[in-house]
Amino acid sequence: MNRAEIVIEGCSPDIANSVQPEIETSISRAKLYQSGEKLRLEIEAEDVSDLRAAINSWLRLIKMCVEVEEVLENG
């Protein structure tokens, strides 16, 4: 089993709430934790290429949520 842990600082709890439903539909196994403005994502996958794909997908999804949140805050 291959595993990665990603910590992103400066993420509001709204980001975690936005991506939480994706955990249940993900091919890889993922866990999401929020502590203040720190988001921690743990991902497990059978092989390295699946892990890399999962990391890329999760980071793209989180980035998109952060960008949407910024647009909504700035009007």
C-alpha atoms as a PDB file:
ATOM      1  CA  MET A   1       0.000   0.000   0.000  1.00  0.00           C
ATOM      2  CA  ASN A   2       1.285   3.467  -0.920  1.00  0.00           C
ATOM      3  CA  ARG A   3       0.444   6.413   1.303  1.00  0.00           C
ATOM      4  CA  ALA A   4       0.719  10.206   1.217  1.00  0.00           C
ATOM      5  CA  GLU A   5      -0.120  12.896   3.735  1.00  0.00           C
ATOM      6  CA  ILE A   6      -0.709  16.454   2.566  1.00  0.00           C
ATOM      7  CA  VAL A   7      -1.076  19.420   4.913  1.00  0.00           C
ATOM      8  CA  ILE A   8      -2.428  22.709   3.562  1.00  0.00           C
ATOM      9  CA  GLU A   9      -2.444  25.766   5.771  1.00  0.00           C
ATOM     10  CA  GLY A  10      -4.829  28.671   5.357  1.00  0.00           C
ATOM     11  CA  CYS A  11      -7.885  26.590   4.413  1.00  0.00           C
ATOM     12  CA  SER A  12     -11.183  27.500   6.002  1.00  0.00           C
ATOM     13  CA  PRO A  13     -13.441  24.738   7.337  1.00  0.00           C
ATOM     14  CA  ASP A  14     -15.725  25.476   4.370  1.00  0.00           C
ATOM     15  CA  ILE A  15     -13.106  23.930   2.068  1.00  0.00           C
ATOM     16  CA  ALA A  16     -13.113  20.669   4.027  1.00  0.00           C
ATOM     17  CA  ASN A  17     -16.921  20.627   4.006  1.00  0.00           C
ATOM     18  CA  SER A  18     -16.928  21.200   0.244  1.00  0.00           C
ATOM     19  CA  VAL A  19     -14.622  18.305  -0.624  1.00  0.00           C
ATOM     20  CA  GLN A  20     -15.839  15.839   2.037  1.00  0.00           C
ATOM     21  CA  PRO A  21     -18.466  14.206  -0.247  1.00  0.00           C
ATOM     22  CA  GLU A  22     -15.716  13.282  -2.727  1.00  0.00           C
ATOM     23  CA  ILE A  23     -14.141  10.918  -0.188  1.00  0.00           C
ATOM     24  CA  GLU A  24     -16.978   8.439  -0.635  1.00  0.00           C
ATOM     25  CA  THR A  25     -16.655   8.414  -4.436  1.00  0.00           C
ATOM     26  CA  SER A  26     -12.862   8.288  -4.609  1.00  0.00           C
ATOM     27  CA  ILE A  27     -11.107   5.227  -6.083  1.00  0.00           C
ATOM     28  CA  SER A  28      -8.276   5.620  -3.592  1.00  0.00           C
ATOM     29  CA  ARG A  29      -8.856   5.689   0.154  1.00  0.00           C
ATOM     30  CA  ALA A  30      -8.763   9.171   1.619  1.00  0.00           C
ATOM     31  CA  LYS A  31      -9.288  10.777   5.005  1.00  0.00           C
ATOM     32  CA  LEU A  32      -9.716  14.474   5.588  1.00  0.00           C
ATOM     33  CA  TYR A  33      -9.039  16.341   8.831  1.00  0.00           C
ATOM     34  CA  GLN A  34      -9.561  20.021   9.620  1.00  0.00           C
ATOM     35  CA  SER A  35      -7.948  21.822  12.549  1.00  0.00           C
ATOM     36  CA  GLY A  36      -8.445  25.575  12.536  1.00  0.00           C
ATOM     37  CA  GLU A  37      -7.154  26.706   9.153  1.00  0.00           C
ATOM     38  CA  LYS A  38      -5.025  23.597   8.625  1.00  0.00           C
ATOM     39  CA  LEU A  39      -6.357  20.909   6.302  1.00  0.00           C
ATOM     40  CA  ARG A  40      -4.735  17.463   6.418  1.00  0.00           C
ATOM     41  CA  LEU A  41      -5.431  14.898   3.722  1.00  0.00           C
ATOM     42  CA  GLU A  42      -4.287  11.282   3.972  1.00  0.00           C
ATOM     43  CA  ILE A  43      -4.439   9.220   0.789  1.00  0.00           C
ATOM     44  CA  GLU A  44      -3.780   5.504   0.256  1.00  0.00           C
ATOM     45  CA  ALA A  45      -3.648   3.676  -3.062  1.00  0.00           C
ATOM     46  CA  GLU A  46      -2.592   0.269  -4.315  1.00  0.00           C
ATOM     47  CA  ASP A  47       0.234   1.487  -6.546  1.00  0.00           C
ATOM     48  CA  VAL A  48       2.302   4.620  -7.027  1.00  0.00           C
ATOM     49  CA  SER A  49       0.605   5.708 -10.255  1.00  0.00           C
ATOM     50  CA  ASP A  50      -2.829   5.531  -8.582  1.00  0.00           C
ATOM     51  CA  LEU A  51      -1.471   7.492  -5.625  1.00  0.00           C
ATOM     52  CA  ARG A  52      -0.043  10.172  -7.917  1.00  0.00           C
ATOM     53  CA  ALA A  53      -3.346  10.449  -9.787  1.00  0.00           C
ATOM     54  CA  ALA A  54      -5.272  10.721  -6.509  1.00  0.00           C
ATOM     55  CA  ILE A  55      -2.930  13.413  -5.184  1.00  0.00           C
ATOM     56  CA  ASN A  56      -3.325  15.431  -8.373  1.00  0.00           C
ATOM     57  CA  SER A  57      -7.114  15.097  -8.293  1.00  0.00           C
ATOM     58  CA  TRP A  58      -7.411  16.098  -4.647  1.00  0.00           C
ATOM     59  CA  LEU A  59      -5.077  19.069  -5.021  1.00  0.00           C
ATOM     60  CA  ARG A  60      -6.975  20.303  -8.097  1.00  0.00           C
ATOM     61  CA  LEU A  61     -10.284  19.978  -6.253  1.00  0.00           C
ATOM     62  CA  ILE A  62      -9.014  21.809  -3.165  1.00  0.00           C
ATOM     63  CA  LYS A  63      -7.425  24.534  -5.297  1.00  0.00           C
ATOM     64  CA  MET A  64     -10.697  25.073  -7.143  1.00  0.00           C
ATOM     65  CA  CYS A  65     -12.607  25.358  -3.847  1.00  0.00           C
ATOM     66  CA  VAL A  66     -10.087  27.885  -2.515  1.00  0.00           C
ATOM     67  CA  GLU A  67     -10.405  29.952  -5.692  1.00  0.00           C
ATOM     68  CA  VAL A  68     -14.211  29.913  -5.528  1.00  0.00           C
ATOM     69  CA  GLU A  69     -14.088  30.935  -1.885  1.00  0.00           C
ATOM     70  CA  GLU A  70     -11.774  33.860  -2.767  1.00  0.00           C
ATOM     71  CA  VAL A  71     -14.128  35.036  -5.511  1.00  0.00           C
ATOM     72  CA  LEU A  72     -17.113  34.880  -3.166  1.00  0.00           C
ATOM     73  CA  GLU A  73     -15.251  36.795  -0.449  1.00  0.00           C
ATOM     74  CA  ASN A  74     -14.025  39.522  -2.829  1.00  0.00           C
ATOM     75  CA  GLY A  75     -17.329  39.893  -4.663  1.00  0.00           C
END
